[in-house]
Amino acid sequence: MVAPHIRLSQSAEYRENYIVQENKLWCRFCNVEIDHERKNSVDKHIKTLKHLNNKNKNNSNLLIQRTLPSFENTLN
């Protein structure tokens, strides 16, 4: 079983698109939980039309508000 923060540390692209919150992997742009245990699921979501559109909008309303614990997990 791969922890979400380990999955996040595997790639700069993952760190750009995902955050860890309460031991779950979330898309920064789509506000959906991603199955972090399967690398294929993480990779597929980045390529979806919904994700690409949300990311390209660059609308701050779509971003997940980070909590202090999730920020601390990212730093560790």
N, C-alpha and C. Protein backbone atom coordinates (compact mmCIF):
# COMPACT_ATOMS: atom_id res chain seq x y z
N MET A 1 0.84 -1.17 0.00
CA MET A 1 0.00 0.00 0.00
C MET A 1 0.89 1.25 0.00
N VAL A 2 0.65 2.13 -0.93
CA VAL A 2 1.44 3.35 -1.07
C VAL A 2 0.70 4.49 -0.38
N ALA A 3 1.39 5.19 0.50
CA ALA A 3 0.80 6.34 1.18
C ALA A 3 0.69 7.51 0.20
N PRO A 4 -0.30 8.36 0.38
CA PRO A 4 -0.49 9.46 -0.58
C PRO A 4 0.70 10.43 -0.63
N HIS A 5 1.35 10.67 0.50
CA HIS A 5 2.49 11.59 0.46
C HIS A 5 3.68 10.99 -0.27
N ILE A 6 3.78 9.66 -0.28
CA ILE A 6 4.85 9.00 -1.04
C ILE A 6 4.56 9.13 -2.53
N ARG A 7 3.30 8.93 -2.91
CA ARG A 7 2.91 9.07 -4.32
C ARG A 7 3.20 10.50 -4.78
N LEU A 8 2.92 11.47 -3.94
CA LEU A 8 3.15 12.87 -4.27
C LEU A 8 4.63 13.17 -4.47
N SER A 9 5.48 12.50 -3.71
CA SER A 9 6.92 12.75 -3.80
C SER A 9 7.57 12.10 -5.01
N GLN A 10 6.84 11.29 -5.75
CA GLN A 10 7.40 10.56 -6.88
C GLN A 10 7.61 11.41 -8.13
N SER A 11 6.93 12.55 -8.20
CA SER A 11 7.00 13.32 -9.44
C SER A 11 6.67 14.79 -9.18
N ALA A 12 7.39 15.67 -9.86
CA ALA A 12 7.08 17.10 -9.78
C ALA A 12 5.71 17.38 -10.38
N GLU A 13 5.33 16.60 -11.38
CA GLU A 13 4.01 16.77 -12.00
C GLU A 13 2.91 16.44 -10.99
N TYR A 14 3.12 15.44 -10.16
CA TYR A 14 2.14 15.09 -9.13
C TYR A 14 2.02 16.23 -8.11
N ARG A 15 3.15 16.78 -7.69
CA ARG A 15 3.14 17.87 -6.70
C ARG A 15 2.45 19.11 -7.26
N GLU A 16 2.54 19.30 -8.56
CA GLU A 16 1.89 20.44 -9.21
C GLU A 16 0.38 20.28 -9.27
N ASN A 17 -0.10 19.05 -9.37
CA ASN A 17 -1.52 18.78 -9.60
C ASN A 17 -2.29 18.26 -8.39
N TYR A 18 -1.61 17.73 -7.39
CA TYR A 18 -2.28 17.08 -6.27
C TYR A 18 -1.80 17.62 -4.93
N ILE A 19 -2.66 17.45 -3.92
CA ILE A 19 -2.27 17.73 -2.55
C ILE A 19 -2.74 16.57 -1.68
N VAL A 20 -2.13 16.43 -0.51
CA VAL A 20 -2.55 15.42 0.46
C VAL A 20 -3.32 16.13 1.56
N GLN A 21 -4.49 15.61 1.84
CA GLN A 21 -5.32 16.17 2.90
C GLN A 21 -5.98 15.02 3.63
N GLU A 22 -5.72 14.93 4.92
CA GLU A 22 -6.28 13.86 5.76
C GLU A 22 -5.97 12.48 5.19
N ASN A 23 -4.73 12.28 4.81
CA ASN A 23 -4.23 11.01 4.27
C ASN A 23 -4.95 10.58 2.99
N LYS A 24 -5.44 11.56 2.23
CA LYS A 24 -6.07 11.30 0.94
C LYS A 24 -5.44 12.20 -0.10
N LEU A 25 -5.39 11.72 -1.33
CA LEU A 25 -4.83 12.49 -2.43
C LEU A 25 -5.96 13.22 -3.15
N TRP A 26 -5.83 14.55 -3.29
CA TRP A 26 -6.86 15.37 -3.91
C TRP A 26 -6.28 16.12 -5.09
N CYS A 27 -7.06 16.27 -6.13
CA CYS A 27 -6.67 17.09 -7.27
C CYS A 27 -6.86 18.56 -6.89
N ARG A 28 -5.83 19.36 -7.10
CA ARG A 28 -5.89 20.79 -6.77
C ARG A 28 -6.92 21.54 -7.60
N PHE A 29 -7.16 21.10 -8.81
CA PHE A 29 -7.98 21.85 -9.75
C PHE A 29 -9.42 21.33 -9.85
N CYS A 30 -9.62 20.04 -9.62
CA CYS A 30 -10.95 19.44 -9.81
C CYS A 30 -11.70 19.20 -8.50
N ASN A 31 -10.98 19.30 -7.39
CA ASN A 31 -11.58 19.09 -6.07
C ASN A 31 -12.21 17.70 -5.95
N VAL A 32 -11.48 16.69 -6.43
CA VAL A 32 -11.92 15.31 -6.32
C VAL A 32 -10.81 14.47 -5.69
N GLU A 33 -11.22 13.44 -4.97
CA GLU A 33 -10.25 12.52 -4.38
C GLU A 33 -9.78 11.54 -5.46
N ILE A 34 -8.49 11.24 -5.44
CA ILE A 34 -7.89 10.35 -6.43
C ILE A 34 -7.40 9.09 -5.72
N ASP A 35 -7.59 7.94 -6.35
CA ASP A 35 -7.10 6.68 -5.80
C ASP A 35 -5.57 6.68 -5.87
N HIS A 36 -4.92 7.00 -4.76
CA HIS A 36 -3.46 7.14 -4.75
C HIS A 36 -2.73 5.80 -4.75
N GLU A 37 -3.44 4.72 -4.46
CA GLU A 37 -2.79 3.40 -4.39
C GLU A 37 -2.46 2.86 -5.78
N ARG A 38 -3.13 3.36 -6.78
CA ARG A 38 -2.89 2.91 -8.15
C ARG A 38 -2.29 4.06 -8.96
N LYS A 39 -1.05 3.91 -9.33
CA LYS A 39 -0.35 4.94 -10.10
C LYS A 39 -1.12 5.25 -11.39
N ASN A 40 -1.71 4.23 -11.98
CA ASN A 40 -2.47 4.40 -13.21
C ASN A 40 -3.63 5.39 -13.02
N SER A 41 -4.30 5.33 -11.89
CA SER A 41 -5.40 6.25 -11.60
C SER A 41 -4.90 7.68 -11.48
N VAL A 42 -3.76 7.85 -10.85
CA VAL A 42 -3.17 9.17 -10.68
C VAL A 42 -2.78 9.74 -12.04
N ASP A 43 -2.15 8.92 -12.87
CA ASP A 43 -1.73 9.35 -14.20
C ASP A 43 -2.92 9.64 -15.11
N LYS A 44 -3.95 8.80 -15.06
CA LYS A 44 -5.11 8.98 -15.93
C LYS A 44 -5.84 10.28 -15.63
N HIS A 45 -5.97 10.61 -14.34
CA HIS A 45 -6.72 11.81 -13.99
C HIS A 45 -6.06 13.07 -14.58
N ILE A 46 -4.75 13.13 -14.56
CA ILE A 46 -4.04 14.30 -15.08
C ILE A 46 -4.35 14.52 -16.56
N LYS A 47 -4.67 13.45 -17.28
CA LYS A 47 -4.91 13.54 -18.72
C LYS A 47 -6.38 13.72 -19.10
N THR A 48 -7.28 13.74 -18.10
CA THR A 48 -8.70 13.87 -18.43
C THR A 48 -9.00 15.29 -18.92
N LEU A 49 -10.01 15.39 -19.75
CA LEU A 49 -10.42 16.68 -20.29
C LEU A 49 -10.87 17.63 -19.18
N LYS A 50 -11.60 17.10 -18.21
CA LYS A 50 -12.07 17.91 -17.09
C LYS A 50 -10.88 18.54 -16.36
N HIS A 51 -9.88 17.74 -16.07
CA HIS A 51 -8.71 18.24 -15.34
C HIS A 51 -7.97 19.29 -16.17
N LEU A 52 -7.74 19.00 -17.41
CA LEU A 52 -7.02 19.94 -18.27
C LEU A 52 -7.75 21.27 -18.40
N ASN A 53 -9.08 21.21 -18.54
CA ASN A 53 -9.87 22.44 -18.63
C ASN A 53 -9.81 23.24 -17.33
N ASN A 54 -9.95 22.55 -16.21
CA ASN A 54 -9.89 23.22 -14.91
C ASN A 54 -8.52 23.84 -14.67
N LYS A 55 -7.49 23.14 -15.05
CA LYS A 55 -6.14 23.63 -14.85
C LYS A 55 -5.87 24.85 -15.74
N ASN A 56 -6.36 24.81 -16.96
CA ASN A 56 -6.13 25.90 -17.90
C ASN A 56 -6.93 27.15 -17.55
N LYS A 57 -8.05 27.00 -16.88
CA LYS A 57 -8.85 28.16 -16.48
C LYS A 57 -8.08 29.05 -15.51
N ASN A 58 -7.21 28.43 -14.73
CA ASN A 58 -6.40 29.15 -13.75
C ASN A 58 -7.29 30.03 -12.87
N ASN A 59 -8.43 29.47 -12.49
CA ASN A 59 -9.39 30.18 -11.66
C ASN A 59 -9.16 29.79 -10.21
N SER A 60 -8.86 30.74 -9.39
CA SER A 60 -8.56 30.44 -7.98
C SER A 60 -9.76 29.85 -7.24
N ASN A 61 -10.97 30.01 -7.77
CA ASN A 61 -12.14 29.43 -7.12
C ASN A 61 -12.14 27.90 -7.20
N LEU A 62 -11.38 27.34 -8.12
CA LEU A 62 -11.36 25.90 -8.29
C LEU A 62 -10.32 25.21 -7.40
N LEU A 63 -9.43 25.99 -6.84
CA LEU A 63 -8.37 25.40 -6.03
C LEU A 63 -8.88 25.00 -4.66
N ILE A 64 -8.35 23.90 -4.15
CA ILE A 64 -8.71 23.43 -2.83
C ILE A 64 -7.98 24.29 -1.81
N GLN A 65 -8.69 24.70 -0.78
CA GLN A 65 -8.04 25.44 0.29
C GLN A 65 -7.24 24.46 1.13
N ARG A 66 -5.98 24.74 1.32
CA ARG A 66 -5.11 23.84 2.06
C ARG A 66 -5.28 24.03 3.55
N THR A 67 -5.30 22.92 4.27
CA THR A 67 -5.34 22.98 5.72
C THR A 67 -3.93 22.90 6.26
N LEU A 68 -3.74 23.30 7.48
CA LEU A 68 -2.41 23.27 8.07
C LEU A 68 -1.82 21.86 8.08
N PRO A 69 -2.58 20.81 8.47
CA PRO A 69 -1.99 19.46 8.43
C PRO A 69 -1.56 19.04 7.02
N SER A 70 -2.32 19.39 5.99
CA SER A 70 -1.92 18.99 4.64
C SER A 70 -0.67 19.73 4.22
N PHE A 71 -0.53 20.99 4.63
CA PHE A 71 0.66 21.76 4.32
C PHE A 71 1.88 21.16 5.01
N GLU A 72 1.71 20.75 6.26
CA GLU A 72 2.80 20.13 7.01
C GLU A 72 3.21 18.81 6.38
N ASN A 73 2.24 18.01 5.90
CA ASN A 73 2.55 16.74 5.25
C ASN A 73 3.35 16.97 3.97
N THR A 74 3.03 18.02 3.23
CA THR A 74 3.74 18.33 2.01
C THR A 74 5.18 18.70 2.31
N LEU A 75 5.38 19.45 3.37
CA LEU A 75 6.74 19.84 3.75
C LEU A 75 7.58 18.65 4.18
N ASN A 76 6.96 17.69 4.84
CA ASN A 76 7.69 16.51 5.31
C ASN A 76 7.96 15.60 4.15
